[in-house]
Amino acid sequence: MADRLGISQQQMADLARSGEPTKISSMCTVFAESEVISLIGRGEPRENIARGVIESVVSRVATMAGQAAGAPYYLTGGLCENAFVVERLGELLGSPVTTSPQARFAGAIGAAVRAAALA
C-alpha cells in the first residue's frame, strides 16, 4: 500500500502516526487496494489512509498471533521495516514485538534452506 501512496515504509509509518484511521474493511489485498484508490480519489488525507491500512493489517495479525498468547513475538516479512506496525502490533498484543532489518528475507532464506536440503 505504501507503493500505491507513492511513499516508502518509513514515510508510511511517519504519516500514519499523525493520522486518524480510515476504515479499510477488505481482507483481500486486491480489494483493500481498490478501497485505498477510492479513498485517494475522494480526497481522504494520506495520513488517514496510511493509519487505516496499518490498523487493518495489525488488527488481523494480532488476532492470529494472539492465539499464541504469552509467547515472544518476532515479526518477519516486508512490514518489519515499518516501525509503526511493529509498535502498534506490540500494543495490541500487550507484549513487545522484536524484528530486524534482515527479517524481511526470512521466507526466502527458509525456502533456500529447504531447497538445499531436498537437493
PDB file of N, CA and C in Angstrom:
ATOM      1  N   MET A   1       0.815  -1.193   0.000  1.00  0.00           N
ATOM      2  CA  MET A   1       0.000   0.000   0.000  1.00  0.00           C
ATOM      3  C   MET A   1       0.861   1.262   0.000  1.00  0.00           C
ATOM      4  N   ALA A   2       2.040   1.158   0.597  1.00  0.00           N
ATOM      5  CA  ALA A   2       2.944   2.308   0.572  1.00  0.00           C
ATOM      6  C   ALA A   2       3.252   2.672  -0.874  1.00  0.00           C
ATOM      7  N   ASP A   3       3.448   1.658  -1.717  1.00  0.00           N
ATOM      8  CA  ASP A   3       3.707   1.917  -3.135  1.00  0.00           C
ATOM      9  C   ASP A   3       2.532   2.656  -3.776  1.00  0.00           C
ATOM     10  N   ARG A   4       1.317   2.241  -3.438  1.00  0.00           N
ATOM     11  CA  ARG A   4       0.121   2.873  -4.001  1.00  0.00           C
ATOM     12  C   ARG A   4       0.048   4.348  -3.597  1.00  0.00           C
ATOM     13  N   LEU A   5       0.520   4.646  -2.379  1.00  0.00           N
ATOM     14  CA  LEU A   5       0.540   6.030  -1.902  1.00  0.00           C
ATOM     15  C   LEU A   5       1.779   6.781  -2.392  1.00  0.00           C
ATOM     16  N   GLY A   6       2.694   6.055  -3.041  1.00  0.00           N
ATOM     17  CA  GLY A   6       3.899   6.675  -3.579  1.00  0.00           C
ATOM     18  C   GLY A   6       4.918   7.043  -2.517  1.00  0.00           C
ATOM     19  N   ILE A   7       4.977   6.231  -1.451  1.00  0.00           N
ATOM     20  CA  ILE A   7       5.878   6.528  -0.334  1.00  0.00           C
ATOM     21  C   ILE A   7       6.601   5.264   0.116  1.00  0.00           C
ATOM     22  N   SER A   8       7.655   5.451   0.924  1.00  0.00           N
ATOM     23  CA  SER A   8       8.401   4.319   1.486  1.00  0.00           C
ATOM     24  C   SER A   8       7.696   3.820   2.748  1.00  0.00           C
ATOM     25  N   GLN A   9       8.141   2.667   3.249  1.00  0.00           N
ATOM     26  CA  GLN A   9       7.591   2.151   4.511  1.00  0.00           C
ATOM     27  C   GLN A   9       7.828   3.138   5.653  1.00  0.00           C
ATOM     28  N   GLN A  10       9.010   3.749   5.688  1.00  0.00           N
ATOM     29  CA  GLN A  10       9.307   4.715   6.751  1.00  0.00           C
ATOM     30  C   GLN A  10       8.386   5.926   6.650  1.00  0.00           C
ATOM     31  N   GLN A  11       8.167   6.415   5.438  1.00  0.00           N
ATOM     32  CA  GLN A  11       7.262   7.549   5.251  1.00  0.00           C
ATOM     33  C   GLN A  11       5.835   7.171   5.633  1.00  0.00           C
ATOM     34  N   MET A  12       5.450   5.932   5.334  1.00  0.00           N
ATOM     35  CA  MET A  12       4.109   5.476   5.702  1.00  0.00           C
ATOM     36  C   MET A  12       3.962   5.449   7.214  1.00  0.00           C
ATOM     37  N   ALA A  13       4.986   4.959   7.903  1.00  0.00           N
ATOM     38  CA  ALA A  13       4.957   4.939   9.369  1.00  0.00           C
ATOM     39  C   ALA A  13       4.826   6.354   9.912  1.00  0.00           C
ATOM     40  N   ASP A  14       5.602   7.276   9.371  1.00  0.00           N
ATOM     41  CA  ASP A  14       5.554   8.666   9.827  1.00  0.00           C
ATOM     42  C   ASP A  14       4.190   9.292   9.568  1.00  0.00           C
ATOM     43  N   LEU A  15       3.624   9.061   8.389  1.00  0.00           N
ATOM     44  CA  LEU A  15       2.293   9.585   8.069  1.00  0.00           C
ATOM     45  C   LEU A  15       1.235   9.009   9.001  1.00  0.00           C
ATOM     46  N   ALA A  16       1.277   7.694   9.190  1.00  0.00           N
ATOM     47  CA  ALA A  16       0.256   7.011   9.982  1.00  0.00           C
ATOM     48  C   ALA A  16       0.217   7.505  11.421  1.00  0.00           C
ATOM     49  N   ARG A  17       1.350   7.845  11.976  1.00  0.00           N
ATOM     50  CA  ARG A  17       1.401   8.329  13.364  1.00  0.00           C
ATOM     51  C   ARG A  17       0.552   9.585  13.561  1.00  0.00           C
ATOM     52  N   SER A  18       0.407  10.392  12.508  1.00  0.00           N
ATOM     53  CA  SER A  18      -0.332  11.646  12.645  1.00  0.00           C
ATOM     54  C   SER A  18      -1.763  11.553  12.121  1.00  0.00           C
ATOM     55  N   GLY A  19      -2.167  10.383  11.652  1.00  0.00           N
ATOM     56  CA  GLY A  19      -3.490  10.247  11.049  1.00  0.00           C
ATOM     57  C   GLY A  19      -4.538   9.662  11.974  1.00  0.00           C
ATOM     58  N   GLU A  20      -5.775   9.844  11.567  1.00  0.00           N
ATOM     59  CA  GLU A  20      -6.924   9.186  12.189  1.00  0.00           C
ATOM     60  C   GLU A  20      -7.287   8.028  11.270  1.00  0.00           C
ATOM     61  N   PRO A  21      -7.456   6.825  11.829  1.00  0.00           N
ATOM     62  CA  PRO A  21      -7.650   5.672  10.942  1.00  0.00           C
ATOM     63  C   PRO A  21      -8.934   5.736  10.120  1.00  0.00           C
ATOM     64  N   THR A  22      -8.766   5.615   8.821  1.00  0.00           N
ATOM     65  CA  THR A  22      -9.883   5.442   7.902  1.00  0.00           C
ATOM     66  C   THR A  22     -10.147   3.946   7.839  1.00  0.00           C
ATOM     67  N   LYS A  23     -11.411   3.546   7.896  1.00  0.00           N
ATOM     68  CA  LYS A  23     -11.735   2.119   7.903  1.00  0.00           C
ATOM     69  C   LYS A  23     -11.417   1.485   6.551  1.00  0.00           C
ATOM     70  N   ILE A  24     -10.618   0.439   6.607  1.00  0.00           N
ATOM     71  CA  ILE A  24     -10.327  -0.401   5.439  1.00  0.00           C
ATOM     72  C   ILE A  24     -10.942  -1.756   5.773  1.00  0.00           C
ATOM     73  N   SER A  25     -12.034  -2.103   5.111  1.00  0.00           N
ATOM     74  CA  SER A  25     -12.771  -3.294   5.526  1.00  0.00           C
ATOM     75  C   SER A  25     -12.397  -4.563   4.776  1.00  0.00           C
ATOM     76  N   SER A  26     -11.799  -4.439   3.615  1.00  0.00           N
ATOM     77  CA  SER A  26     -11.470  -5.624   2.818  1.00  0.00           C
ATOM     78  C   SER A  26     -10.321  -6.404   3.435  1.00  0.00           C
ATOM     79  N   MET A  27     -10.492  -7.720   3.504  1.00  0.00           N
ATOM     80  CA  MET A  27      -9.416  -8.576   3.993  1.00  0.00           C
ATOM     81  C   MET A  27      -8.477  -8.965   2.851  1.00  0.00           C
ATOM     82  N   CYS A  28      -8.985  -8.955   1.652  1.00  0.00           N
ATOM     83  CA  CYS A  28      -8.199  -9.297   0.469  1.00  0.00           C
ATOM     84  C   CYS A  28      -7.365  -8.087   0.061  1.00  0.00           C
ATOM     85  N   THR A  29      -6.090  -8.304  -0.189  1.00  0.00           N
ATOM     86  CA  THR A  29      -5.185  -7.212  -0.552  1.00  0.00           C
ATOM     87  C   THR A  29      -5.647  -6.484  -1.806  1.00  0.00           C
ATOM     88  N   VAL A  30      -6.121  -7.216  -2.794  1.00  0.00           N
ATOM     89  CA  VAL A  30      -6.560  -6.594  -4.047  1.00  0.00           C
ATOM     90  C   VAL A  30      -7.746  -5.669  -3.792  1.00  0.00           C
ATOM     91  N   PHE A  31      -8.728  -6.137  -3.015  1.00  0.00           N
ATOM     92  CA  PHE A  31      -9.895  -5.304  -2.724  1.00  0.00           C
ATOM     93  C   PHE A  31      -9.526  -4.144  -1.809  1.00  0.00           C
ATOM     94  N   ALA A  32      -8.618  -4.378  -0.872  1.00  0.00           N
ATOM     95  CA  ALA A  32      -8.166  -3.293   0.008  1.00  0.00           C
ATOM     96  C   ALA A  32      -7.468  -2.215  -0.815  1.00  0.00           C
ATOM     97  N   GLU A  33      -6.692  -2.633  -1.802  1.00  0.00           N
ATOM     98  CA  GLU A  33      -6.026  -1.659  -2.664  1.00  0.00           C
ATOM     99  C   GLU A  33      -7.059  -0.841  -3.436  1.00  0.00           C
ATOM    100  N   SER A  34      -8.136  -1.486  -3.877  1.00  0.00           N
ATOM    101  CA  SER A  34      -9.213  -0.760  -4.555  1.00  0.00           C
ATOM    102  C   SER A  34      -9.852   0.253  -3.614  1.00  0.00           C
ATOM    103  N   GLU A  35     -10.029  -0.137  -2.351  1.00  0.00           N
ATOM    104  CA  GLU A  35     -10.562   0.800  -1.355  1.00  0.00           C
ATOM    105  C   GLU A  35      -9.645   2.004  -1.203  1.00  0.00           C
ATOM    106  N   VAL A  36      -8.349   1.745  -1.137  1.00  0.00           N
ATOM    107  CA  VAL A  36      -7.371   2.829  -0.988  1.00  0.00           C
ATOM    108  C   VAL A  36      -7.432   3.764  -2.192  1.00  0.00           C
ATOM    109  N   ILE A  37      -7.530   3.208  -3.383  1.00  0.00           N
ATOM    110  CA  ILE A  37      -7.630   4.034  -4.590  1.00  0.00           C
ATOM    111  C   ILE A  37      -8.879   4.912  -4.522  1.00  0.00           C
ATOM    112  N   SER A  38      -9.996   4.336  -4.076  1.00  0.00           N
ATOM    113  CA  SER A  38     -11.232   5.117  -3.931  1.00  0.00           C
ATOM    114  C   SER A  38     -11.072   6.227  -2.905  1.00  0.00           C
ATOM    115  N   LEU A  39     -10.418   5.909  -1.789  1.00  0.00           N
ATOM    116  CA  LEU A  39     -10.203   6.920  -0.748  1.00  0.00           C
ATOM    117  C   LEU A  39      -9.332   8.063  -1.260  1.00  0.00           C
ATOM    118  N   ILE A  40      -8.299   7.719  -2.016  1.00  0.00           N
ATOM    119  CA  ILE A  40      -7.440   8.750  -2.608  1.00  0.00           C
ATOM    120  C   ILE A  40      -8.276   9.626  -3.538  1.00  0.00           C
ATOM    121  N   GLY A  41      -9.109   8.989  -4.362  1.00  0.00           N
ATOM    122  CA  GLY A  41      -9.959   9.714  -5.301  1.00  0.00           C
ATOM    123  C   GLY A  41     -10.955  10.633  -4.621  1.00  0.00           C
ATOM    124  N   ARG A  42     -11.406  10.246  -3.424  1.00  0.00           N
ATOM    125  CA  ARG A  42     -12.357  11.080  -2.670  1.00  0.00           C
ATOM    126  C   ARG A  42     -11.661  12.174  -1.880  1.00  0.00           C
ATOM    127  N   GLY A  43     -10.323  12.194  -1.940  1.00  0.00           N
ATOM    128  CA  GLY A  43      -9.589  13.253  -1.250  1.00  0.00           C
ATOM    129  C   GLY A  43      -9.309  12.993   0.217  1.00  0.00           C
ATOM    130  N   GLU A  44      -9.419  11.734   0.648  1.00  0.00           N
ATOM    131  CA  GLU A  44      -9.106  11.394   2.044  1.00  0.00           C
ATOM    132  C   GLU A  44      -7.631  11.696   2.286  1.00  0.00           C
ATOM    133  N   PRO A  45      -7.302  12.336   3.401  1.00  0.00           N
ATOM    134  CA  PRO A  45      -5.890  12.634   3.686  1.00  0.00           C
ATOM    135  C   PRO A  45      -5.036  11.363   3.710  1.00  0.00           C
ATOM    136  N   ARG A  46      -3.859  11.456   3.122  1.00  0.00           N
ATOM    137  CA  ARG A  46      -2.957  10.296   3.046  1.00  0.00           C
ATOM    138  C   ARG A  46      -2.603   9.753   4.416  1.00  0.00           C
ATOM    139  N   GLU A  47      -2.453  10.621   5.411  1.00  0.00           N
ATOM    140  CA  GLU A  47      -2.112  10.128   6.747  1.00  0.00           C
ATOM    141  C   GLU A  47      -3.241   9.279   7.330  1.00  0.00           C
ATOM    142  N   ASN A  48      -4.498   9.613   7.014  1.00  0.00           N
ATOM    143  CA  ASN A  48      -5.623   8.806   7.492  1.00  0.00           C
ATOM    144  C   ASN A  48      -5.670   7.454   6.781  1.00  0.00           C
ATOM    145  N   ILE A  49      -5.369   7.465   5.488  1.00  0.00           N
ATOM    146  CA  ILE A  49      -5.332   6.208   4.735  1.00  0.00           C
ATOM    147  C   ILE A  49      -4.203   5.327   5.263  1.00  0.00           C
ATOM    148  N   ALA A  50      -3.033   5.906   5.458  1.00  0.00           N
ATOM    149  CA  ALA A  50      -1.889   5.146   5.979  1.00  0.00           C
ATOM    150  C   ALA A  50      -2.224   4.537   7.333  1.00  0.00           C
ATOM    151  N   ARG A  51      -2.838   5.324   8.211  1.00  0.00           N
ATOM    152  CA  ARG A  51      -3.200   4.819   9.541  1.00  0.00           C
ATOM    153  C   ARG A  51      -4.243   3.712   9.424  1.00  0.00           C
ATOM    154  N   GLY A  52      -5.216   3.896   8.538  1.00  0.00           N
ATOM    155  CA  GLY A  52      -6.247   2.881   8.348  1.00  0.00           C
ATOM    156  C   GLY A  52      -5.688   1.568   7.841  1.00  0.00           C
ATOM    157  N   VAL A  53      -4.774   1.640   6.896  1.00  0.00           N
ATOM    158  CA  VAL A  53      -4.148   0.426   6.355  1.00  0.00           C
ATOM    159  C   VAL A  53      -3.378  -0.295   7.455  1.00  0.00           C
ATOM    160  N   ILE A  54      -2.583   0.452   8.202  1.00  0.00           N
ATOM    161  CA  ILE A  54      -1.778  -0.164   9.264  1.00  0.00           C
ATOM    162  C   ILE A  54      -2.670  -0.771  10.336  1.00  0.00           C
ATOM    163  N   GLU A  55      -3.699  -0.053  10.761  1.00  0.00           N
ATOM    164  CA  GLU A  55      -4.594  -0.589  11.794  1.00  0.00           C
ATOM    165  C   GLU A  55      -5.303  -1.848  11.306  1.00  0.00           C
ATOM    166  N   SER A  56      -5.688  -1.876  10.036  1.00  0.00           N
ATOM    167  CA  SER A  56      -6.353  -3.044   9.475  1.00  0.00           C
ATOM    168  C   SER A  56      -5.436  -4.267   9.494  1.00  0.00           C
ATOM    169  N   VAL A  57      -4.215  -4.091   9.028  1.00  0.00           N
ATOM    170  CA  VAL A  57      -3.249  -5.198   8.991  1.00  0.00           C
ATOM    171  C   VAL A  57      -2.901  -5.659  10.399  1.00  0.00           C
ATOM    172  N   VAL A  58      -2.598  -4.708  11.262  1.00  0.00           N
ATOM    173  CA  VAL A  58      -2.163  -5.037  12.621  1.00  0.00           C
ATOM    174  C   VAL A  58      -3.272  -5.754  13.393  1.00  0.00           C
ATOM    175  N   SER A  59      -4.516  -5.330  13.221  1.00  0.00           N
ATOM    176  CA  SER A  59      -5.599  -5.988  13.961  1.00  0.00           C
ATOM    177  C   SER A  59      -5.769  -7.434  13.512  1.00  0.00           C
ATOM    178  N   ARG A  60      -5.605  -7.692  12.217  1.00  0.00           N
ATOM    179  CA  ARG A  60      -5.727  -9.070  11.725  1.00  0.00           C
ATOM    180  C   ARG A  60      -4.558  -9.936  12.196  1.00  0.00           C
ATOM    181  N   VAL A  61      -3.357  -9.383  12.150  1.00  0.00           N
ATOM    182  CA  VAL A  61      -2.182 -10.133  12.611  1.00  0.00           C
ATOM    183  C   VAL A  61      -2.283 -10.394  14.110  1.00  0.00           C
ATOM    184  N   ALA A  62      -2.708  -9.396  14.873  1.00  0.00           N
ATOM    185  CA  ALA A  62      -2.823  -9.558  16.329  1.00  0.00           C
ATOM    186  C   ALA A  62      -3.836 -10.639  16.679  1.00  0.00           C
ATOM    187  N   THR A  63      -4.910 -10.721  15.922  1.00  0.00           N
ATOM    188  CA  THR A  63      -5.914 -11.758  16.168  1.00  0.00           C
ATOM    189  C   THR A  63      -5.305 -13.143  15.984  1.00  0.00           C
ATOM    190  N   MET A  64      -4.544 -13.319  14.913  1.00  0.00           N
ATOM    191  CA  MET A  64      -3.910 -14.620  14.664  1.00  0.00           C
ATOM    192  C   MET A  64      -2.794 -14.900  15.668  1.00  0.00           C
ATOM    193  N   ALA A  65      -1.957 -13.914  15.921  1.00  0.00           N
ATOM    194  CA  ALA A  65      -0.818 -14.105  16.832  1.00  0.00           C
ATOM    195  C   ALA A  65      -1.276 -14.260  18.270  1.00  0.00           C
ATOM    196  N   GLY A  66      -2.407 -13.673  18.603  1.00  0.00           N
ATOM    197  CA  GLY A  66      -2.925 -13.758  19.965  1.00  0.00           C
ATOM    198  C   GLY A  66      -3.255 -15.175  20.389  1.00  0.00           C
ATOM    199  N   GLN A  67      -3.387 -16.074  19.425  1.00  0.00           N
ATOM    200  CA  GLN A  67      -3.650 -17.473  19.742  1.00  0.00           C
ATOM    201  C   GLN A  67      -2.451 -18.112  20.426  1.00  0.00           C
ATOM    202  N   ALA A  68      -1.288 -17.479  20.307  1.00  0.00           N
ATOM    203  CA  ALA A  68      -0.072 -17.945  20.975  1.00  0.00           C
ATOM    204  C   ALA A  68       0.247 -16.980  22.118  1.00  0.00           C
ATOM    205  N   ALA A  69      -0.778 -16.620  22.872  1.00  0.00           N
ATOM    206  CA  ALA A  69      -0.641 -15.613  23.931  1.00  0.00           C
ATOM    207  C   ALA A  69       0.500 -15.946  24.879  1.00  0.00           C
ATOM    208  N   GLY A  70       1.261 -14.918  25.202  1.00  0.00           N
ATOM    209  CA  GLY A  70       2.363 -15.069  26.139  1.00  0.00           C
ATOM    210  C   GLY A  70       3.673 -15.455  25.481  1.00  0.00           C
ATOM    211  N   ALA A  71       3.600 -15.875  24.236  1.00  0.00           N
ATOM    212  CA  ALA A  71       4.824 -16.261  23.528  1.00  0.00           C
ATOM    213  C   ALA A  71       5.598 -15.011  23.124  1.00  0.00           C
ATOM    214  N   PRO A  72       6.904 -15.121  22.984  1.00  0.00           N
ATOM    215  CA  PRO A  72       7.644 -13.981  22.434  1.00  0.00           C
ATOM    216  C   PRO A  72       7.249 -13.802  20.964  1.00  0.00           C
ATOM    217  N   TYR A  73       7.180 -12.581  20.530  1.00  0.00           N
ATOM    218  CA  TYR A  73       6.770 -12.286  19.161  1.00  0.00           C
ATOM    219  C   TYR A  73       7.937 -11.719  18.370  1.00  0.00           C
ATOM    220  N   TYR A  74       8.120 -12.226  17.146  1.00  0.00           N
ATOM    221  CA  TYR A  74       9.160 -11.746  16.236  1.00  0.00           C
ATOM    222  C   TYR A  74       8.511 -11.571  14.871  1.00  0.00           C
ATOM    223  N   LEU A  75       8.560 -10.370  14.324  1.00  0.00           N
ATOM    224  CA  LEU A  75       7.910 -10.069  13.055  1.00  0.00           C
ATOM    225  C   LEU A  75       8.885 -10.242  11.898  1.00  0.00           C
ATOM    226  N   THR A  76       8.464 -11.002  10.887  1.00  0.00           N
ATOM    227  CA  THR A  76       9.257 -11.174   9.674  1.00  0.00           C
ATOM    228  C   THR A  76       8.461 -10.645   8.487  1.00  0.00           C
ATOM    229  N   GLY A  77       9.111 -10.535   7.350  1.00  0.00           N
ATOM    230  CA  GLY A  77       8.443 -10.064   6.144  1.00  0.00           C
ATOM    231  C   GLY A  77       8.644  -8.572   5.934  1.00  0.00           C
ATOM    232  N   GLY A  78       8.086  -8.074   4.861  1.00  0.00           N
ATOM    233  CA  GLY A  78       8.284  -6.686   4.471  1.00  0.00           C
ATOM    234  C   GLY A  78       7.825  -5.660   5.486  1.00  0.00           C
ATOM    235  N   LEU A  79       6.787  -5.977   6.252  1.00  0.00           N
ATOM    236  CA  LEU A  79       6.285  -4.999   7.222  1.00  0.00           C
ATOM    237  C   LEU A  79       7.198  -4.807   8.421  1.00  0.00           C
ATOM    238  N   CYS A  80       8.205  -5.660   8.564  1.00  0.00           N
ATOM    239  CA  CYS A  80       9.139  -5.476   9.679  1.00  0.00           C
ATOM    240  C   CYS A  80       9.923  -4.182   9.517  1.00  0.00           C
ATOM    241  N   GLU A  81       9.901  -3.594   8.319  1.00  0.00           N
ATOM    242  CA  GLU A  81      10.589  -2.329   8.075  1.00  0.00           C
ATOM    243  C   GLU A  81       9.750  -1.125   8.495  1.00  0.00           C
ATOM    244  N   ASN A  82       8.496  -1.354   8.864  1.00  0.00           N
ATOM    245  CA  ASN A  82       7.609  -0.265   9.258  1.00  0.00           C
ATOM    246  C   ASN A  82       7.544  -0.226  10.783  1.00  0.00           C
ATOM    247  N   ALA A  83       8.264   0.726  11.370  1.00  0.00           N
ATOM    248  CA  ALA A  83       8.370   0.813  12.831  1.00  0.00           C
ATOM    249  C   ALA A  83       7.015   0.993  13.495  1.00  0.00           C
ATOM    250  N   PHE A  84       6.090   1.680  12.841  1.00  0.00           N
ATOM    251  CA  PHE A  84       4.771   1.895  13.434  1.00  0.00           C
ATOM    252  C   PHE A  84       3.977   0.594  13.480  1.00  0.00           C
ATOM    253  N   VAL A  85       4.133  -0.260  12.485  1.00  0.00           N
ATOM    254  CA  VAL A  85       3.479  -1.572  12.501  1.00  0.00           C
ATOM    255  C   VAL A  85       3.986  -2.378  13.692  1.00  0.00           C
ATOM    256  N   VAL A  86       5.294  -2.406  13.881  1.00  0.00           N
ATOM    257  CA  VAL A  86       5.891  -3.151  14.995  1.00  0.00           C
ATOM    258  C   VAL A  86       5.380  -2.602  16.329  1.00  0.00           C
ATOM    259  N   GLU A  87       5.351  -1.283  16.448  1.00  0.00           N
ATOM    260  CA  GLU A  87       4.883  -0.631  17.678  1.00  0.00           C
ATOM    261  C   GLU A  87       3.412  -0.941  17.963  1.00  0.00           C
ATOM    262  N   ARG A  88       2.542  -0.759  16.963  1.00  0.00           N
ATOM    263  CA  ARG A  88       1.102  -0.993  17.153  1.00  0.00           C
ATOM    264  C   ARG A  88       0.811  -2.465  17.423  1.00  0.00           C
ATOM    265  N   LEU A  89       1.532  -3.355  16.773  1.00  0.00           N
ATOM    266  CA  LEU A  89       1.328  -4.779  16.997  1.00  0.00           C
ATOM    267  C   LEU A  89       1.664  -5.136  18.437  1.00  0.00           C
ATOM    268  N   GLY A  90       2.760  -4.600  18.948  1.00  0.00           N
ATOM    269  CA  GLY A  90       3.118  -4.831  20.347  1.00  0.00           C
ATOM    270  C   GLY A  90       2.067  -4.302  21.304  1.00  0.00           C
ATOM    271  N   GLU A  91       1.503  -3.135  20.982  1.00  0.00           N
ATOM    272  CA  GLU A  91       0.452  -2.563  21.833  1.00  0.00           C
ATOM    273  C   GLU A  91      -0.784  -3.453  21.850  1.00  0.00           C
ATOM    274  N   LEU A  92      -1.199  -3.940  20.682  1.00  0.00           N
ATOM    275  CA  LEU A  92      -2.390  -4.785  20.619  1.00  0.00           C
ATOM    276  C   LEU A  92      -2.175  -6.143  21.274  1.00  0.00           C
ATOM    277  N   LEU A  93      -0.964  -6.673  21.165  1.00  0.00           N
ATOM    278  CA  LEU A  93      -0.673  -7.978  21.763  1.00  0.00           C
ATOM    279  C   LEU A  93      -0.347  -7.869  23.246  1.00  0.00           C
ATOM    280  N   GLY A  94      -0.039  -6.657  23.700  1.00  0.00           N
ATOM    281  CA  GLY A  94       0.329  -6.467  25.102  1.00  0.00           C
ATOM    282  C   GLY A  94       1.683  -7.061  25.429  1.00  0.00           C
ATOM    283  N   SER A  95       2.529  -7.166  24.423  1.00  0.00           N
ATOM    284  CA  SER A  95       3.848  -7.758  24.592  1.00  0.00           C
ATOM    285  C   SER A  95       4.768  -7.178  23.521  1.00  0.00           C
ATOM    286  N   PRO A  96       6.045  -6.983  23.841  1.00  0.00           N
ATOM    287  CA  PRO A  96       6.947  -6.427  22.825  1.00  0.00           C
ATOM    288  C   PRO A  96       7.072  -7.333  21.600  1.00  0.00           C
ATOM    289  N   VAL A  97       7.211  -6.706  20.462  1.00  0.00           N
ATOM    290  CA  VAL A  97       7.451  -7.413  19.207  1.00  0.00           C
ATOM    291  C   VAL A  97       8.842  -7.004  18.747  1.00  0.00           C
ATOM    292  N   THR A  98       9.684  -7.975  18.482  1.00  0.00           N
ATOM    293  CA  THR A  98      11.032  -7.670  18.005  1.00  0.00           C
ATOM    294  C   THR A  98      11.137  -8.023  16.526  1.00  0.00           C
ATOM    295  N   THR A  99      12.128  -7.448  15.894  1.00  0.00           N
ATOM    296  CA  THR A  99      12.383  -7.697  14.482  1.00  0.00           C
ATOM    297  C   THR A  99      13.784  -7.206  14.165  1.00  0.00           C
ATOM    298  N   SER A 100      14.188  -7.355  12.940  1.00  0.00           N
ATOM    299  CA  SER A 100      15.457  -6.796  12.478  1.00  0.00           C
ATOM    300  C   SER A 100      15.304  -6.469  11.000  1.00  0.00           C
ATOM    301  N   PRO A 101      16.153  -5.605  10.467  1.00  0.00           N
ATOM    302  CA  PRO A 101      16.031  -5.260   9.047  1.00  0.00           C
ATOM    303  C   PRO A 101      16.146  -6.479   8.123  1.00  0.00           C
ATOM    304  N   GLN A 102      16.907  -7.474   8.520  1.00  0.00           N
ATOM    305  CA  GLN A 102      17.068  -8.667   7.687  1.00  0.00           C
ATOM    306  C   GLN A 102      15.865  -9.606   7.769  1.00  0.00           C
ATOM    307  N   ALA A 103      14.961  -9.361   8.698  1.00  0.00           N
ATOM    308  CA  ALA A 103      13.809 -10.244   8.891  1.00  0.00           C
ATOM    309  C   ALA A 103      12.892 -10.278   7.676  1.00  0.00           C
ATOM    310  N   ARG A 104      12.991  -9.284   6.828  1.00  0.00           N
ATOM    311  CA  ARG A 104      12.151  -9.281   5.630  1.00  0.00           C
ATOM    312  C   ARG A 104      12.511 -10.433   4.699  1.00  0.00           C
ATOM    313  N   PHE A 105      13.706 -10.992   4.852  1.00  0.00           N
ATOM    314  CA  PHE A 105      14.163 -12.071   3.978  1.00  0.00           C
ATOM    315  C   PHE A 105      13.953 -13.465   4.585  1.00  0.00           C
ATOM    316  N   ALA A 106      13.293 -13.559   5.722  1.00  0.00           N
ATOM    317  CA  ALA A 106      13.146 -14.839   6.424  1.00  0.00           C
ATOM    318  C   ALA A 106      12.493 -15.908   5.549  1.00  0.00           C
ATOM    319  N   GLY A 107      11.441 -15.557   4.847  1.00  0.00           N
ATOM    320  CA  GLY A 107      10.765 -16.533   3.988  1.00  0.00           C
ATOM    321  C   GLY A 107      11.665 -17.035   2.874  1.00  0.00           C
ATOM    322  N   ALA A 108      12.397 -16.131   2.249  1.00  0.00           N
ATOM    323  CA  ALA A 108      13.296 -16.510   1.156  1.00  0.00           C
ATOM    324  C   ALA A 108      14.440 -17.379   1.667  1.00  0.00           C
ATOM    325  N   ILE A 109      14.968 -17.024   2.819  1.00  0.00           N
ATOM    326  CA  ILE A 109      16.058 -17.814   3.398  1.00  0.00           C
ATOM    327  C   ILE A 109      15.563 -19.210   3.751  1.00  0.00           C
ATOM    328  N   GLY A 110      14.386 -19.287   4.350  1.00  0.00           N
ATOM    329  CA  GLY A 110      13.810 -20.584   4.693  1.00  0.00           C
ATOM    330  C   GLY A 110      13.582 -21.449   3.467  1.00  0.00           C
ATOM    331  N   ALA A 111      13.091 -20.842   2.394  1.00  0.00           N
ATOM    332  CA  ALA A 111      12.865 -21.586   1.154  1.00  0.00           C
ATOM    333  C   ALA A 111      14.182 -22.091   0.572  1.00  0.00           C
ATOM    334  N   ALA A 112      15.219 -21.269   0.633  1.00  0.00           N
ATOM    335  CA  ALA A 112      16.531 -21.678   0.112  1.00  0.00           C
ATOM    336  C   ALA A 112      17.109 -22.828   0.930  1.00  0.00           C
ATOM    337  N   VAL A 113      16.979 -22.749   2.242  1.00  0.00           N
ATOM    338  CA  VAL A 113      17.477 -23.820   3.113  1.00  0.00           C
ATOM    339  C   VAL A 113      16.724 -25.119   2.824  1.00  0.00           C
ATOM    340  N   ARG A 114      15.411 -25.017   2.671  1.00  0.00           N
ATOM    341  CA  ARG A 114      14.603 -26.204   2.391  1.00  0.00           C
ATOM    342  C   ARG A 114      14.973 -26.803   1.028  1.00  0.00           C
ATOM    343  N   ALA A 115      15.146 -25.947   0.024  1.00  0.00           N
ATOM    344  CA  ALA A 115      15.519 -26.427  -1.312  1.00  0.00           C
ATOM    345  C   ALA A 115      16.874 -27.116  -1.280  1.00  0.00           C
ATOM    346  N   ALA A 116      17.807 -26.557  -0.519  1.00  0.00           N
ATOM    347  CA  ALA A 116      19.137 -27.167  -0.405  1.00  0.00           C
ATOM    348  C   ALA A 116      19.040 -28.533   0.267  1.00  0.00           C
ATOM    349  N   ALA A 117      18.166 -28.642   1.259  1.00  0.00           N
ATOM    350  CA  ALA A 117      18.006 -29.917   1.960  1.00  0.00           C
ATOM    351  C   ALA A 117      17.390 -30.981   1.055  1.00  0.00           C
ATOM    352  N   LEU A 118      16.554 -30.565   0.133  1.00  0.00           N
ATOM    353  CA  LEU A 118      15.898 -31.509  -0.774  1.00  0.00           C
ATOM    354  C   LEU A 118      16.757 -31.866  -1.985  1.00  0.00           C
ATOM    355  N   ALA A 119      17.808 -31.079  -2.224  1.00  0.00           N
ATOM    356  CA  ALA A 119      18.652 -31.294  -3.418  1.00  0.00           C
ATOM    357  C   ALA A 119      19.560 -32.490  -3.269  1.00  0.00           C
TER     358      ALA A 119
END
